Amino acid sequence: MDEPLVGTPQQNYRFFYGASLSAIISLVVLFVITGYTAYTASEINEVIKDMNELLPDARNSLRIIHEMCIHENFTKSWGNICQ
């Protein structure tokens, strides 16, 4: 039990503190990534709410365009939206 795990006692301490430091850095990086993901998810939630408000207007606009395209008034030209 008095024997060092890696080489000399000084090398053993270096290995221990190096492994501890890398574990702490990994934990900090994990927290940063988790925080950024939570922020992005909240932003996406707002975008989805906005899209749900706009979709009924878009559907109504598409219905109007469809009616314009099937209307029998041949004197009007709507471009290539009716293709």
C-alpha atoms as a PDB file:
ATOM      1  CA  MET A   1       0.000   0.000   0.000  1.00  0.00           C
ATOM      2  CA  ASP A   2       2.998   2.301   0.451  1.00  0.00           C
ATOM      3  CA  GLU A   3       4.036   1.812  -3.167  1.00  0.00           C
ATOM      4  CA  PRO A   4       3.078   4.613  -5.606  1.00  0.00           C
ATOM      5  CA  LEU A   5       0.682   3.684  -8.400  1.00  0.00           C
ATOM      6  CA  VAL A   6       2.714   5.367 -11.152  1.00  0.00           C
ATOM      7  CA  GLY A   7       6.510   5.500 -10.833  1.00  0.00           C
ATOM      8  CA  THR A   8       7.782   7.706  -8.063  1.00  0.00           C
ATOM      9  CA  PRO A   9       5.547   9.438  -5.501  1.00  0.00           C
ATOM     10  CA  GLN A  10       6.098  12.752  -7.333  1.00  0.00           C
ATOM     11  CA  GLN A  11       4.924  11.209 -10.617  1.00  0.00           C
ATOM     12  CA  ASN A  12       1.981   9.671  -8.787  1.00  0.00           C
ATOM     13  CA  TYR A  13       0.902  13.102  -7.509  1.00  0.00           C
ATOM     14  CA  ARG A  14       1.308  14.612 -10.992  1.00  0.00           C
ATOM     15  CA  PHE A  15      -0.841  11.857 -12.461  1.00  0.00           C
ATOM     16  CA  PHE A  16      -3.508  12.297  -9.766  1.00  0.00           C
ATOM     17  CA  TYR A  17      -3.713  16.087 -10.121  1.00  0.00           C
ATOM     18  CA  GLY A  18      -3.578  15.893 -13.909  1.00  0.00           C
ATOM     19  CA  ALA A  19      -6.444  13.401 -13.995  1.00  0.00           C
ATOM     20  CA  SER A  20      -8.413  15.520 -11.501  1.00  0.00           C
ATOM     21  CA  LEU A  21      -7.859  18.683 -13.521  1.00  0.00           C
ATOM     22  CA  SER A  22      -8.927  17.008 -16.754  1.00  0.00           C
ATOM     23  CA  ALA A  23     -12.088  15.693 -15.060  1.00  0.00           C
ATOM     24  CA  ILE A  24     -12.941  19.185 -13.777  1.00  0.00           C
ATOM     25  CA  ILE A  25     -12.336  20.732 -17.210  1.00  0.00           C
ATOM     26  CA  SER A  26     -14.552  18.070 -18.811  1.00  0.00           C
ATOM     27  CA  LEU A  27     -17.288  18.852 -16.291  1.00  0.00           C
ATOM     28  CA  VAL A  28     -17.070  22.586 -17.039  1.00  0.00           C
ATOM     29  CA  VAL A  29     -17.251  21.918 -20.786  1.00  0.00           C
ATOM     30  CA  LEU A  30     -20.262  19.674 -20.214  1.00  0.00           C
ATOM     31  CA  PHE A  31     -22.021  22.421 -18.217  1.00  0.00           C
ATOM     32  CA  VAL A  32     -21.307  24.988 -20.940  1.00  0.00           C
ATOM     33  CA  ILE A  33     -22.707  22.697 -23.634  1.00  0.00           C
ATOM     34  CA  THR A  34     -25.775  21.945 -21.495  1.00  0.00           C
ATOM     35  CA  GLY A  35     -26.414  25.647 -20.904  1.00  0.00           C
ATOM     36  CA  TYR A  36     -26.080  26.475 -24.584  1.00  0.00           C
ATOM     37  CA  THR A  37     -28.437  23.621 -25.482  1.00  0.00           C
ATOM     38  CA  ALA A  38     -31.039  24.856 -23.008  1.00  0.00           C
ATOM     39  CA  TYR A  39     -30.782  28.396 -24.415  1.00  0.00           C
ATOM     40  CA  THR A  40     -31.150  27.113 -27.983  1.00  0.00           C
ATOM     41  CA  ALA A  41     -34.147  24.983 -27.019  1.00  0.00           C
ATOM     42  CA  SER A  42     -35.917  27.998 -25.524  1.00  0.00           C
ATOM     43  CA  GLU A  43     -35.235  30.027 -28.673  1.00  0.00           C
ATOM     44  CA  ILE A  44     -36.599  27.212 -30.847  1.00  0.00           C
ATOM     45  CA  ASN A  45     -39.699  27.109 -28.661  1.00  0.00           C
ATOM     46  CA  GLU A  46     -40.332  30.804 -29.415  1.00  0.00           C
ATOM     47  CA  VAL A  47     -39.853  30.212 -33.144  1.00  0.00           C
ATOM     48  CA  ILE A  48     -42.369  27.368 -33.080  1.00  0.00           C
ATOM     49  CA  LYS A  49     -44.907  29.582 -31.297  1.00  0.00           C
ATOM     50  CA  ASP A  50     -44.416  32.284 -33.947  1.00  0.00           C
ATOM     51  CA  MET A  51     -44.819  29.735 -36.734  1.00  0.00           C
ATOM     52  CA  ASN A  52     -48.069  28.487 -35.220  1.00  0.00           C
ATOM     53  CA  GLU A  53     -49.384  32.059 -35.295  1.00  0.00           C
ATOM     54  CA  LEU A  54     -48.358  32.580 -38.935  1.00  0.00           C
ATOM     55  CA  LEU A  55     -49.507  29.272 -40.424  1.00  0.00           C
ATOM     56  CA  PRO A  56     -53.236  30.101 -40.566  1.00  0.00           C
ATOM     57  CA  ASP A  57     -52.449  33.293 -42.512  1.00  0.00           C
ATOM     58  CA  ALA A  58     -50.222  31.358 -44.893  1.00  0.00           C
ATOM     59  CA  ARG A  59     -52.912  28.731 -45.493  1.00  0.00           C
ATOM     60  CA  ASN A  60     -55.439  31.447 -46.254  1.00  0.00           C
ATOM     61  CA  SER A  61     -53.010  33.109 -48.683  1.00  0.00           C
ATOM     62  CA  LEU A  62     -52.447  29.806 -50.480  1.00  0.00           C
ATOM     63  CA  ARG A  63     -56.202  29.309 -50.732  1.00  0.00           C
ATOM     64  CA  ILE A  64     -56.547  32.783 -52.315  1.00  0.00           C
ATOM     65  CA  ILE A  65     -53.753  32.043 -54.805  1.00  0.00           C
ATOM     66  CA  HIS A  66     -55.399  28.739 -55.713  1.00  0.00           C
ATOM     67  CA  GLU A  67     -58.721  30.508 -56.339  1.00  0.00           C
ATOM     68  CA  MET A  68     -56.970  33.119 -58.496  1.00  0.00           C
ATOM     69  CA  CYS A  69     -55.370  30.389 -60.597  1.00  0.00           C
ATOM     70  CA  ILE A  70     -58.582  28.454 -61.275  1.00  0.00           C
ATOM     71  CA  HIS A  71     -60.662  31.568 -61.951  1.00  0.00           C
ATOM     72  CA  GLU A  72     -61.893  31.778 -65.552  1.00  0.00           C
ATOM     73  CA  ASN A  73     -60.808  35.389 -66.129  1.00  0.00           C
ATOM     74  CA  PHE A  74     -58.286  34.854 -68.931  1.00  0.00           C
ATOM     75  CA  THR A  75     -57.334  38.566 -69.126  1.00  0.00           C
ATOM     76  CA  LYS A  76     -55.329  38.366 -65.922  1.00  0.00           C
ATOM     77  CA  SER A  77     -51.831  36.941 -65.871  1.00  0.00           C
ATOM     78  CA  TRP A  78     -50.435  35.911 -62.504  1.00  0.00           C
ATOM     79  CA  GLY A  79     -46.999  34.856 -63.705  1.00  0.00           C
ATOM     80  CA  ASN A  80     -45.629  31.470 -62.783  1.00  0.00           C
ATOM     81  CA  ILE A  81     -47.415  31.120 -59.434  1.00  0.00           C
ATOM     82  CA  CYS A  82     -50.157  29.054 -61.068  1.00  0.00           C
ATOM     83  CA  GLN A  83     -47.936  26.290 -62.398  1.00  0.00           C
END
